[in-house]
Each structure stands twice: as structure tokens, then as C-alpha cells.
């Protein structure tokens, strides 16, 4: 039975709320604690990466828990709802550090809340994405739902990218600490509302009833699914590139582009970029797919991203005075981001059927738990890279325009190089891995889907 419009819209709304939360944490947690509250940049980088190492154990275990769950509401929705409520609460606490805390106490608070945020995000993210294979029969329907969900997720992340600093300044009346606290509360409430709609409107349509794997079996299944592992590596590399830039771009505008109204230029840049990212997923990608294969679109994404970073580096070394010139690299980078967001999920979903055919078990929760982990791992690595950059190049946490204007030339050069050259290196490695390892063309995916269907029919007789 085909997906209804109600199911598609409801599932998409969940993605909007989910990625609004994720983008707020991934792009602004370092800035909040380092630049506003004064926590050491290196300390924050270590905390963010350590939390991701912890997730190396937490995320796969959550995948097993979801696989073992059997309730009247299915195995996905209960965890989706529980995880959402808990994550919303922790998100607010994370951006509402008590004013009385400072020094070691504040650092400890940041560490505890961020780790709890990662744990609770996993609780709802794994079942959310794991539902894709359970909702669809493969092929075009799966790609269509993956595209819709990723497009909606991109809308959520783009909305936060566009409105965060505007809302922070407006809600806080110039007090960034208060502004982030109130903005986090707003996003948390919207998150719960959107996921509630998702849980009420959808249900699993087909789930293969298999024996739930142990943790050991799970790792063996992942290691034996070479296509899943290839996509996992590519996701890490791509997201390291993207999050390194997203963590540093606010510092670029504040200390390099500068000016009294730096946050206005930053907002204009993000508004354009967020809009382009949405168009990329909802318009550019579907148009390209009408004429060329998904794998070729992926290569186009790589080319655009690298071109964008190179043009950003070149423009950064000119006498920047007009933010609209930065729309050139923004167009290429954000378009590529949209393409990557859709296709990495499509490619990963395709590996579920591949794994079922190869390993005789359907491990959607296991495989998608790995996606959750690697995206968060990439954000942790990127945050550490950004924090090392901030520390080495001595970018001040003083928010005054006077200090921002006085930042040494060597510091801004280091900032420019970190946010452009390192991402390009990561993307080049990702291209190499994709070219050498990924074999699931559209023809191959259709062939595998047919074989899996025939196998199930034969086993049912």
C-alpha cells in the first residue's frame, strides 16, 4: 500500500523539528559556552568530542533496544516520543546554564548536559530514520520518502540557521545569554509538537520479524555489510567538512568580516544559504534526478562544495566590504549540503536490503543507529577542530566590536584556512572512498529489492 499524503507530511514535520534541535546544538553550543560564557575553547572541544566517543557505545546499544522492542504501537514510535520529550528538556537546560556557575562548575555543567543531550537525541533519532525501510518497499518509494524527510530536515536546519541570531538578540534584548535560553525553549516546544504529530499520524506498515541481534552480532553485521560501512565513512567525512565551517562561520563574521553590525551580515548570509539549501533539496535535486542518476548527482555535489570552499577562500583574502559577494561561495556550498543531506540517507537506506540479502537479516535499526553516531561523531570532531583553531589563533571571547576589529591578521588567516582548506581535504577523501567502494547503482538496488521480495515470498510458502 502506497504512502498517503498525511503520512508523508506528518513524517516530514518530525524531520523539521528534529533538525531544528540538532542544528541549534551543532552550530551554536561551542559559541554559547566559549564566546558568551567564557569556557575554554579547548575544554569545550574535548567535551564535545568525548560525548561523541561515549555515543560509540550508546548509539549501537540503542539500535539493539529498538530492534528488541515489541509494543502495540510498534517498535519505533514509543522510543521516538520518549526520546523527544527528554531531549527537549535537556536542550533547554543546556542553553540555560545557571548564572551562579563559573570556572570548573560551568565546564562540568556543559559536559553533563551535552552528554545527556546526545543520549536523548539518540533515543529518538534512531527510531525516526529506522522507520524508512519499515514504511517502504524499496526503490522509488523509499527514495521519495528519504528525499522528503531529508528535505524537511534541511528546512528545519535552515530555519535555525536563518533565525537564531535574530531571535537571540530580540528575545534577549541584547543579552545573548538570556536570548539563547528563551530561543532554546521555543525550539524545544516546537520539537515536541512536531514529533507528536508524527507519532499520531504514522505506523509501521511492514516490519520483517527477525531475531533481535546482540551487540556482538550487531557489530559483525555492520562489518559484513561493506556498503553500509562505506556510506558511514563518507557521512563522517562530509559532515566533518560541513560542521567545521558551520562552527567557525560566526567567528568569521565577528572577527574577520567585522563591523558594528556583524550579526546582520551573518544573518543575511545564513538567510541566503538556508534558502538555497531548501531549494537544493526541494527543487534542484529533483530536477537533476530527472536527467541523471543519483550517483552522478552526488559527484556534482562534491564538485560544487569544493568550488564553493575555494571561492570562499579567495574572497576572504580580498578587501571584503560587501556581504553579497559571499553569496557566490554560499550558493555552491549550501546547494551541495542539500544534495548530500538527501543522498546519504537514500544510499544508507539502500544498504538495508543489501544487508538482508547478504547476511539473511534486516538490520535497519542497527544500520541507522550507525548513521546517528557518525553524524554526531563528525560534529564532535569538527567542534574540536574549531576549538583548536580558536585557541591557537587566539580569537578573543570578548564580544566588543573594538576587540573584534583588533584581532591579529595572523589569527584571521588561520581562521580562513581552517574553515576552507580542511573541509576540502575531507571532501576529496570522501570522493575517493565513494568511487572505490560504493556499488549500489539504481539498477543494482532494483535487482536486490526484487531478490529480497522473491526470497520473502519463498520463505512464506
Protein backbone atom coordinates (compact mmCIF):
# COMPACT_ATOMS: atom_id res chain seq x y z
CA UNK A 1 0.00 0.00 0.00
CA UNK A 2 1.38 3.38 -1.03
CA UNK A 3 2.13 6.08 1.49
CA UNK A 4 -0.65 8.63 1.97
CA UNK A 5 -0.10 12.37 1.81
CA UNK A 6 -1.00 12.60 5.51
CA UNK A 7 1.75 10.12 6.40
CA UNK A 8 4.32 11.88 4.26
CA UNK A 9 3.52 15.34 5.67
CA UNK A 10 3.48 14.06 9.26
CA UNK A 11 6.79 12.27 8.84
CA UNK A 12 8.29 15.37 7.25
CA UNK A 13 7.15 17.59 10.13
CA UNK A 14 9.04 15.35 12.52
CA UNK A 15 12.19 15.89 10.48
CA UNK A 16 11.71 19.66 10.63
CA UNK A 17 11.54 19.65 14.42
CA UNK A 18 14.33 17.11 14.82
CA UNK A 19 16.84 19.02 12.75
CA UNK A 20 15.93 22.37 14.25
CA UNK A 21 17.10 20.90 17.56
CA UNK A 22 20.20 19.32 16.04
CA UNK A 23 21.33 22.42 14.18
CA UNK A 24 20.93 24.60 17.27
CA UNK A 25 23.20 22.27 19.20
CA UNK A 26 25.70 21.52 16.43
CA UNK A 27 26.23 25.12 15.31
CA UNK A 28 25.83 27.18 18.48
CA UNK A 29 26.82 25.15 21.55
CA UNK A 30 30.52 25.99 21.13
CA UNK A 31 29.74 29.68 20.59
CA UNK A 32 27.36 29.76 23.59
CA UNK A 33 29.79 28.28 26.09
CA UNK A 34 33.07 29.62 24.68
CA UNK A 35 32.24 33.09 23.42
CA UNK A 36 29.32 34.05 25.68
CA UNK A 37 30.02 32.19 28.94
CA UNK A 38 33.82 32.14 28.69
CA UNK A 39 34.50 28.40 28.94
CA UNK A 40 37.90 27.44 27.47
CA UNK A 41 37.64 26.66 23.75
CA UNK A 42 39.88 23.60 24.10
CA UNK A 43 37.85 22.35 27.09
CA UNK A 44 34.66 22.65 25.05
CA UNK A 45 36.24 20.87 22.10
CA UNK A 46 37.29 17.97 24.32
CA UNK A 47 33.82 17.79 25.89
CA UNK A 48 32.09 17.72 22.51
CA UNK A 49 34.39 15.02 21.16
CA UNK A 50 34.28 12.96 24.38
CA UNK A 51 30.49 12.96 24.19
CA UNK A 52 30.72 11.50 20.70
CA UNK A 53 33.10 8.77 21.90
CA UNK A 54 30.53 7.93 24.55
CA UNK A 55 27.96 7.68 21.77
CA UNK A 56 30.10 4.99 20.15
CA UNK A 57 28.74 2.72 22.88
CA UNK A 58 25.36 4.36 23.44
CA UNK A 59 24.10 4.58 19.85
CA UNK A 60 24.57 0.94 18.76
CA UNK A 61 23.05 -0.25 22.04
CA UNK A 62 20.02 1.93 21.34
CA UNK A 63 19.77 0.30 17.93
CA UNK A 64 19.58 -3.10 19.62
CA UNK A 65 17.00 -1.83 22.13
CA UNK A 66 14.78 -0.58 19.30
CA UNK A 67 15.16 -3.87 17.44
CA UNK A 68 14.07 -5.80 20.56
CA UNK A 69 11.07 -3.57 21.29
CA UNK A 70 7.62 -5.06 20.73
CA UNK A 71 4.56 -2.97 21.66
CA UNK A 72 1.04 -2.39 20.35
CA UNK A 73 2.36 0.90 18.91
CA UNK A 74 5.22 -0.81 17.10
CA UNK A 75 8.90 -0.78 17.96
CA UNK A 76 9.74 2.74 16.72
CA UNK A 77 7.11 5.21 17.94
CA UNK A 78 7.41 4.63 21.70
CA UNK A 79 11.11 5.46 21.70
CA UNK A 80 10.56 8.31 19.26
CA UNK A 81 8.14 10.01 21.66
CA UNK A 82 10.05 9.28 24.87
CA UNK A 83 13.35 10.42 23.36
CA UNK A 84 11.81 13.61 22.01
CA UNK A 85 10.36 14.74 25.35
CA UNK A 86 13.59 14.04 27.23
CA UNK A 87 15.75 15.65 24.54
CA UNK A 88 13.61 18.81 24.53
CA UNK A 89 14.05 19.17 28.29
CA UNK A 90 17.82 18.67 28.11
CA UNK A 91 18.13 21.09 25.17
CA UNK A 92 16.60 23.85 27.28
CA UNK A 93 18.84 23.04 30.25
CA UNK A 94 21.91 23.01 28.00
CA UNK A 95 21.26 26.61 26.92
CA UNK A 96 20.12 27.72 30.38
CA UNK A 97 23.34 27.46 32.38
CA UNK A 98 22.79 28.83 35.92
CA UNK A 99 24.32 32.32 36.28
CA UNK A 100 25.93 31.33 39.58
CA UNK A 101 28.18 28.78 37.88
CA UNK A 102 31.64 29.66 36.62
CA UNK A 103 35.02 28.04 36.09
CA UNK A 104 35.12 24.29 36.71
CA UNK A 105 31.46 24.20 37.73
CA UNK A 106 30.33 25.71 34.44
CA UNK A 107 32.58 23.36 32.46
CA UNK A 108 31.14 20.36 34.34
CA UNK A 109 27.59 21.59 33.69
CA UNK A 110 28.35 21.89 29.97
CA UNK A 111 29.80 18.36 29.91
CA UNK A 112 26.90 16.71 31.74
CA UNK A 113 24.11 18.43 29.81
CA UNK A 114 25.77 17.89 26.43
CA UNK A 115 26.31 14.16 27.07
CA UNK A 116 22.69 13.82 28.22
CA UNK A 117 21.58 15.69 25.12
CA UNK A 118 23.43 13.20 22.93
CA UNK A 119 21.92 10.21 24.73
CA UNK A 120 18.35 11.51 24.48
CA UNK A 121 18.80 12.61 20.86
CA UNK A 122 19.85 9.06 20.02
CA UNK A 123 16.71 7.71 21.67
CA UNK A 124 14.52 9.43 19.12
CA UNK A 125 16.80 9.78 16.08
CA UNK A 126 17.46 6.07 15.58
CA UNK A 127 13.78 5.03 15.52
CA UNK A 128 12.93 8.03 13.33
CA UNK A 129 15.27 7.11 10.48
CA UNK A 130 14.87 3.35 11.03
CA UNK A 131 11.21 3.73 10.06
CA UNK A 132 12.09 4.43 6.43
CA UNK A 133 12.66 0.80 5.40
CA UNK A 134 9.66 -0.26 7.52
CA UNK A 135 7.46 2.31 5.74
CA UNK A 136 8.55 1.49 2.21
CA UNK A 137 9.08 -1.46 -0.08
CA UNK A 138 12.27 -0.12 -1.65
CA UNK A 139 13.17 1.59 -4.89
CA UNK A 140 11.42 4.83 -5.83
CA UNK A 141 9.06 4.90 -2.85
CA UNK A 142 11.95 4.65 -0.40
CA UNK A 143 13.96 7.26 -2.26
CA UNK A 144 10.90 9.50 -2.37
CA UNK A 145 10.30 9.27 1.39
CA UNK A 146 14.02 9.69 2.12
CA UNK A 147 14.13 12.74 -0.13
CA UNK A 148 11.06 14.23 1.53
CA UNK A 149 12.37 13.59 5.05
CA UNK A 150 15.82 14.96 4.28
CA UNK A 151 14.29 17.95 2.53
CA UNK A 152 12.16 18.67 5.59
CA UNK A 153 15.17 18.13 7.85
CA UNK A 154 17.04 20.62 5.71
CA UNK A 155 14.17 23.07 6.12
CA UNK A 156 14.44 22.66 9.88
CA UNK A 157 18.19 23.20 9.96
CA UNK A 158 17.90 26.10 7.52
CA UNK A 159 15.24 27.78 9.66
CA UNK A 160 17.51 27.64 12.71
CA UNK A 161 20.45 28.82 10.64
CA UNK A 162 18.46 31.81 9.44
CA UNK A 163 16.62 32.93 12.57
CA UNK A 164 18.85 32.01 15.51
CA UNK A 165 20.87 35.20 15.94
CA UNK A 166 17.88 37.42 15.08
CA UNK A 167 15.75 35.68 17.73
CA UNK A 168 18.58 35.62 20.28
CA UNK A 169 19.05 39.39 20.03
CA UNK A 170 15.33 40.10 20.01
CA UNK A 171 14.36 37.73 22.83
CA UNK A 172 17.32 38.74 24.96
CA UNK A 173 17.10 42.45 24.14
CA UNK A 174 20.85 42.44 23.51
CA UNK A 175 21.61 39.89 26.26
CA UNK A 176 22.81 36.84 24.30
CA UNK A 177 22.75 34.56 27.34
CA UNK A 178 19.08 35.26 28.02
CA UNK A 179 18.31 35.19 24.31
CA UNK A 180 19.73 31.70 23.80
CA UNK A 181 17.83 30.40 26.85
CA UNK A 182 14.47 31.64 25.56
CA UNK A 183 15.19 30.59 21.98
CA UNK A 184 16.10 27.06 23.12
CA UNK A 185 12.79 26.89 25.00
CA UNK A 186 10.90 27.90 21.84
CA UNK A 187 12.67 25.28 19.70
CA UNK A 188 12.13 22.59 22.36
CA UNK A 189 8.36 23.21 22.41
CA UNK A 190 8.10 23.13 18.60
CA UNK A 191 10.12 19.92 18.56
CA UNK A 192 7.69 18.12 20.88
CA UNK A 193 4.66 19.36 18.92
CA UNK A 194 6.03 18.22 15.55
CA UNK A 195 7.11 14.76 16.73
CA UNK A 196 3.75 14.25 18.46
CA UNK A 197 2.06 14.83 15.09
CA UNK A 198 4.42 12.29 13.53
CA UNK A 199 3.71 9.64 16.16
CA UNK A 200 -0.07 10.11 15.98
CA UNK A 201 -0.33 10.01 12.20
CA UNK A 202 2.00 7.18 11.24
CA UNK A 203 2.56 3.49 11.94
CA UNK A 204 4.76 0.73 10.66
CA UNK A 205 3.38 -0.87 7.53
CA UNK A 206 5.75 -3.79 7.17
CA UNK A 207 8.43 -4.99 9.53
CA UNK A 208 10.42 -8.13 8.97
CA UNK A 209 10.12 -10.22 12.12
CA UNK A 210 13.70 -11.28 12.82
CA UNK A 211 15.56 -12.34 15.92
CA UNK A 212 16.91 -9.27 17.70
CA UNK A 213 20.72 -9.11 17.47
CA UNK A 214 23.13 -8.96 20.36
CA UNK A 215 25.69 -6.17 20.47
CA UNK A 216 28.32 -8.57 19.16
CA UNK A 217 26.08 -9.74 16.33
CA UNK A 218 25.28 -6.14 15.52
CA UNK A 219 28.91 -5.16 15.04
CA UNK A 220 29.53 -8.26 12.96
CA UNK A 221 26.52 -7.40 10.79
CA UNK A 222 27.82 -3.90 10.22
CA UNK A 223 31.33 -5.09 9.41
CA UNK A 224 29.94 -7.65 6.98
CA UNK A 225 27.83 -5.01 5.19
CA UNK A 226 30.60 -3.35 3.21
CA UNK A 227 28.20 -0.92 1.52
CA UNK A 228 26.86 0.37 4.85
CA UNK A 229 30.38 0.85 6.14
CA UNK A 230 31.41 2.74 3.00
CA UNK A 231 28.49 5.16 3.36
CA UNK A 232 29.20 5.57 7.07
CA UNK A 233 32.78 6.67 6.31
CA UNK A 234 31.55 9.07 3.64
CA UNK A 235 28.97 10.57 6.03
CA UNK A 236 31.71 11.20 8.61
CA UNK A 237 33.96 12.95 6.10
CA UNK A 238 31.20 15.09 4.58
CA UNK A 239 29.77 16.17 7.92
CA UNK A 240 33.22 16.94 9.35
CA UNK A 241 33.67 19.36 6.45
CA UNK A 242 30.24 20.94 6.84
CA UNK A 243 30.31 21.28 10.63
CA UNK A 244 33.85 22.64 10.74
CA UNK A 245 32.66 25.52 8.60
CA UNK A 246 29.34 25.97 10.41
CA UNK A 247 31.12 26.14 13.78
CA UNK A 248 33.55 28.79 12.56
CA UNK A 249 31.45 30.93 10.24
CA UNK A 250 30.03 33.00 13.12
CA UNK A 251 33.60 33.78 14.22
CA UNK A 252 34.47 34.62 10.62
CA UNK A 253 31.79 37.28 10.53
CA UNK A 254 32.50 38.54 14.03
CA UNK A 255 36.31 38.78 13.92
CA UNK A 256 37.19 38.82 10.21
CA UNK A 257 34.35 40.40 8.26
CA UNK A 258 33.72 42.55 11.34
CA UNK A 259 31.87 45.82 11.58
CA UNK A 260 29.46 47.11 14.18
CA UNK A 261 26.57 45.17 12.70
CA UNK A 262 28.44 41.93 12.01
CA UNK A 263 25.49 39.81 13.12
CA UNK A 264 23.30 41.49 10.49
CA UNK A 265 25.74 40.40 7.77
CA UNK A 266 25.89 36.96 9.35
CA UNK A 267 22.08 36.71 9.31
CA UNK A 268 21.87 37.87 5.68
CA UNK A 269 24.48 35.27 4.68
CA UNK A 270 22.68 32.48 6.54
CA UNK A 271 19.29 33.52 5.20
CA UNK A 272 20.56 33.23 1.64
CA UNK A 273 22.38 29.98 2.37
CA UNK A 274 19.43 28.43 4.19
CA UNK A 275 17.12 29.34 1.33
CA UNK A 276 19.49 27.80 -1.19
CA UNK A 277 19.77 24.63 0.88
CA UNK A 278 15.99 24.27 0.90
CA UNK A 279 15.79 24.90 -2.85
CA UNK A 280 18.57 22.39 -3.40
CA UNK A 281 16.60 19.59 -1.75
CA UNK A 282 13.13 20.54 -2.96
CA UNK A 283 13.91 21.82 -6.46
CA UNK A 284 17.50 21.40 -7.71
CA UNK A 285 17.85 17.77 -6.62
CA UNK A 286 14.51 16.54 -8.07
CA UNK A 287 15.25 18.32 -11.36
CA UNK A 288 18.72 16.80 -11.62
CA UNK A 289 17.32 13.33 -10.81
CA UNK A 290 15.03 13.54 -13.82
CA UNK A 291 18.04 13.58 -16.11
CA UNK A 292 20.90 11.81 -14.33
CA UNK A 293 21.45 9.06 -11.77
CA UNK A 294 21.70 9.61 -8.04
CA UNK A 295 25.39 8.71 -8.08
CA UNK A 296 26.13 11.36 -10.71
CA UNK A 297 24.18 13.94 -8.70
CA UNK A 298 26.36 13.01 -5.72
CA UNK A 299 29.51 13.75 -7.71
CA UNK A 300 28.02 17.09 -8.78
CA UNK A 301 27.51 17.85 -5.09
CA UNK A 302 31.18 17.17 -4.36
CA UNK A 303 32.28 19.41 -7.23
CA UNK A 304 30.04 22.27 -6.10
CA UNK A 305 31.17 22.04 -2.47
CA UNK A 306 34.86 22.13 -3.37
CA UNK A 307 34.29 25.02 -5.78
CA UNK A 308 32.41 26.88 -3.05
CA UNK A 309 35.18 26.46 -0.48
CA UNK A 310 37.85 27.57 -2.96
CA UNK A 311 35.87 30.67 -3.92
CA UNK A 312 35.26 31.47 -0.23
CA UNK A 313 38.99 31.28 0.47
CA UNK A 314 39.78 33.55 -2.47
CA UNK A 315 37.14 36.11 -1.46
CA UNK A 316 38.33 36.04 2.15
CA UNK A 317 41.73 37.34 1.06
CA UNK A 318 40.22 40.27 -0.81
CA UNK A 319 39.14 43.53 0.78
CA UNK A 320 35.74 42.29 1.90
CA UNK A 321 33.17 45.02 2.38
CA UNK A 322 30.04 43.59 0.77
CA UNK A 323 28.35 40.52 2.21
CA UNK A 324 26.57 39.89 -1.08
CA UNK A 325 29.85 38.80 -2.67
CA UNK A 326 29.85 35.90 -0.23
CA UNK A 327 26.62 34.67 -1.82
CA UNK A 328 28.83 33.12 -4.54
CA UNK A 329 30.50 30.51 -2.30
CA UNK A 330 27.31 30.22 -0.24
CA UNK A 331 25.37 29.13 -3.32
CA UNK A 332 27.75 26.28 -4.12
CA UNK A 333 28.31 25.11 -0.52
CA UNK A 334 24.67 25.17 0.58
CA UNK A 335 23.48 23.55 -2.64
CA UNK A 336 25.96 20.74 -2.09
CA UNK A 337 24.84 20.45 1.54
CA UNK A 338 21.26 19.90 0.41
CA UNK A 339 22.29 17.24 -2.10
CA UNK A 340 24.41 15.42 0.49
CA UNK A 341 21.61 15.50 3.07
CA UNK A 342 19.22 13.69 0.76
CA UNK A 343 21.53 11.23 -0.93
CA UNK A 344 23.47 9.94 2.08
CA UNK A 345 20.17 8.84 3.62
CA UNK A 346 19.00 7.27 0.35
CA UNK A 347 22.29 5.41 -0.07
CA UNK A 348 22.24 4.20 3.54
CA UNK A 349 18.63 3.02 3.24
CA UNK A 350 19.62 1.03 0.16
CA UNK A 351 22.20 -0.88 2.18
CA UNK A 352 19.43 -2.35 4.36
CA UNK A 353 18.13 -4.55 1.53
CA UNK A 354 21.71 -5.33 0.52
CA UNK A 355 22.49 -6.47 4.06
CA UNK A 356 19.32 -8.57 4.27
CA UNK A 357 20.21 -10.38 1.06
CA UNK A 358 23.84 -10.86 2.04
CA UNK A 359 23.52 -11.59 5.77
CA UNK A 360 19.97 -13.03 5.97
CA UNK A 361 18.78 -10.41 8.47
CA UNK A 362 17.25 -6.96 8.14
CA UNK A 363 19.12 -4.63 10.47
CA UNK A 364 17.54 -1.25 9.78
CA UNK A 365 17.80 -0.09 13.40
CA UNK A 366 21.41 -1.21 13.60
CA UNK A 367 22.43 0.49 10.38
CA UNK A 368 20.58 3.72 11.12
CA UNK A 369 21.98 3.80 14.64
CA UNK A 370 25.37 3.99 12.97
CA UNK A 371 24.18 6.99 10.93
CA UNK A 372 23.15 8.76 14.12
CA UNK A 373 26.50 8.03 15.71
CA UNK A 374 28.68 9.07 12.78
CA UNK A 375 26.85 12.36 12.23
CA UNK A 376 27.31 13.24 15.89
CA UNK A 377 30.90 11.98 15.79
CA UNK A 378 31.56 14.27 12.83
CA UNK A 379 30.08 17.22 14.72
CA UNK A 380 32.34 16.41 17.69
CA UNK A 381 35.46 16.18 15.55
CA UNK A 382 34.51 19.42 13.78
CA UNK A 383 33.95 21.16 17.12
CA UNK A 384 37.37 20.01 18.33
CA UNK A 385 38.98 21.29 15.13
CA UNK A 386 37.16 24.61 15.56
CA UNK A 387 38.12 24.90 19.23
CA UNK A 388 41.78 24.20 18.47
CA UNK A 389 41.62 26.88 15.78
CA UNK A 390 40.11 29.38 18.23
CA UNK A 391 42.77 28.57 20.81
CA UNK A 392 45.83 28.52 18.53
CA UNK A 393 44.88 31.70 16.73
CA UNK A 394 43.81 33.42 19.95
CA UNK A 395 40.42 34.57 18.80
CA UNK A 396 39.07 36.55 21.76
CA UNK A 397 35.85 35.77 23.57
CA UNK A 398 35.36 39.49 24.14
CA UNK A 399 32.20 40.44 22.24
CA UNK A 400 33.02 44.12 21.81
CA UNK A 401 33.46 45.49 18.32
CA UNK A 402 36.72 47.14 19.37
CA UNK A 403 38.31 43.83 20.27
CA UNK A 404 36.86 42.15 17.19
CA UNK A 405 38.42 44.79 14.98
CA UNK A 406 41.80 44.39 16.66
CA UNK A 407 42.20 40.65 16.09
CA UNK A 408 45.62 40.00 14.61
CA UNK A 409 45.93 39.38 10.88
CA UNK A 410 47.63 36.03 11.50
CA UNK A 411 44.61 34.93 13.52
CA UNK A 412 42.07 35.63 10.80
CA UNK A 413 44.31 34.00 8.19
CA UNK A 414 44.37 30.86 10.33
CA UNK A 415 40.59 31.05 10.69
CA UNK A 416 40.12 31.33 6.94
CA UNK A 417 42.40 28.39 6.21
CA UNK A 418 40.79 26.15 8.84
CA UNK A 419 37.24 26.72 7.62
CA UNK A 420 38.06 26.14 3.94
CA UNK A 421 41.17 24.00 3.36
CA UNK A 422 40.39 21.30 5.94
CA UNK A 423 36.85 20.76 4.54
CA UNK A 424 38.23 20.43 1.00
CA UNK A 425 40.69 17.75 2.12
CA UNK A 426 37.87 15.82 3.80
CA UNK A 427 35.66 16.03 0.71
CA UNK A 428 38.44 14.80 -1.59
CA UNK A 429 38.92 11.73 0.61
CA UNK A 430 35.14 11.16 0.59
CA UNK A 431 35.09 11.23 -3.23
CA UNK A 432 37.84 8.62 -3.34
CA UNK A 433 36.02 6.29 -0.91
CA UNK A 434 32.70 6.65 -2.77
CA UNK A 435 34.31 5.95 -6.15
CA UNK A 436 36.22 2.92 -4.92
CA UNK A 437 33.74 1.28 -2.57
CA UNK A 438 30.08 2.09 -3.32
CA UNK A 439 28.49 -0.24 -5.88
CA UNK A 440 24.73 0.14 -5.31
CA UNK A 441 23.66 1.74 -8.58
CA UNK A 442 19.95 2.19 -9.27
CA UNK A 443 19.91 -0.96 -11.38
CA UNK A 444 21.64 -2.91 -8.63
CA UNK A 445 19.21 -1.60 -5.99
CA UNK A 446 16.18 -2.67 -8.08
CA UNK A 447 17.73 -6.06 -8.65
CA UNK A 448 18.39 -6.57 -4.92
CA UNK A 449 14.86 -5.40 -4.00
CA UNK A 450 13.39 -7.97 -6.40
CA UNK A 451 15.60 -10.72 -4.96
CA UNK A 452 14.63 -9.82 -1.38
CA UNK A 453 10.92 -9.86 -2.30
CA UNK A 454 11.24 -13.21 -4.01
CA UNK A 455 13.13 -14.60 -1.03
CA UNK A 456 10.44 -13.46 1.42
CA UNK A 457 7.69 -14.96 -0.75
CA UNK A 458 9.54 -18.25 -0.92
CA UNK A 459 10.03 -18.34 2.86
CA UNK A 460 6.35 -17.53 3.44
CA UNK A 461 5.21 -20.61 1.48
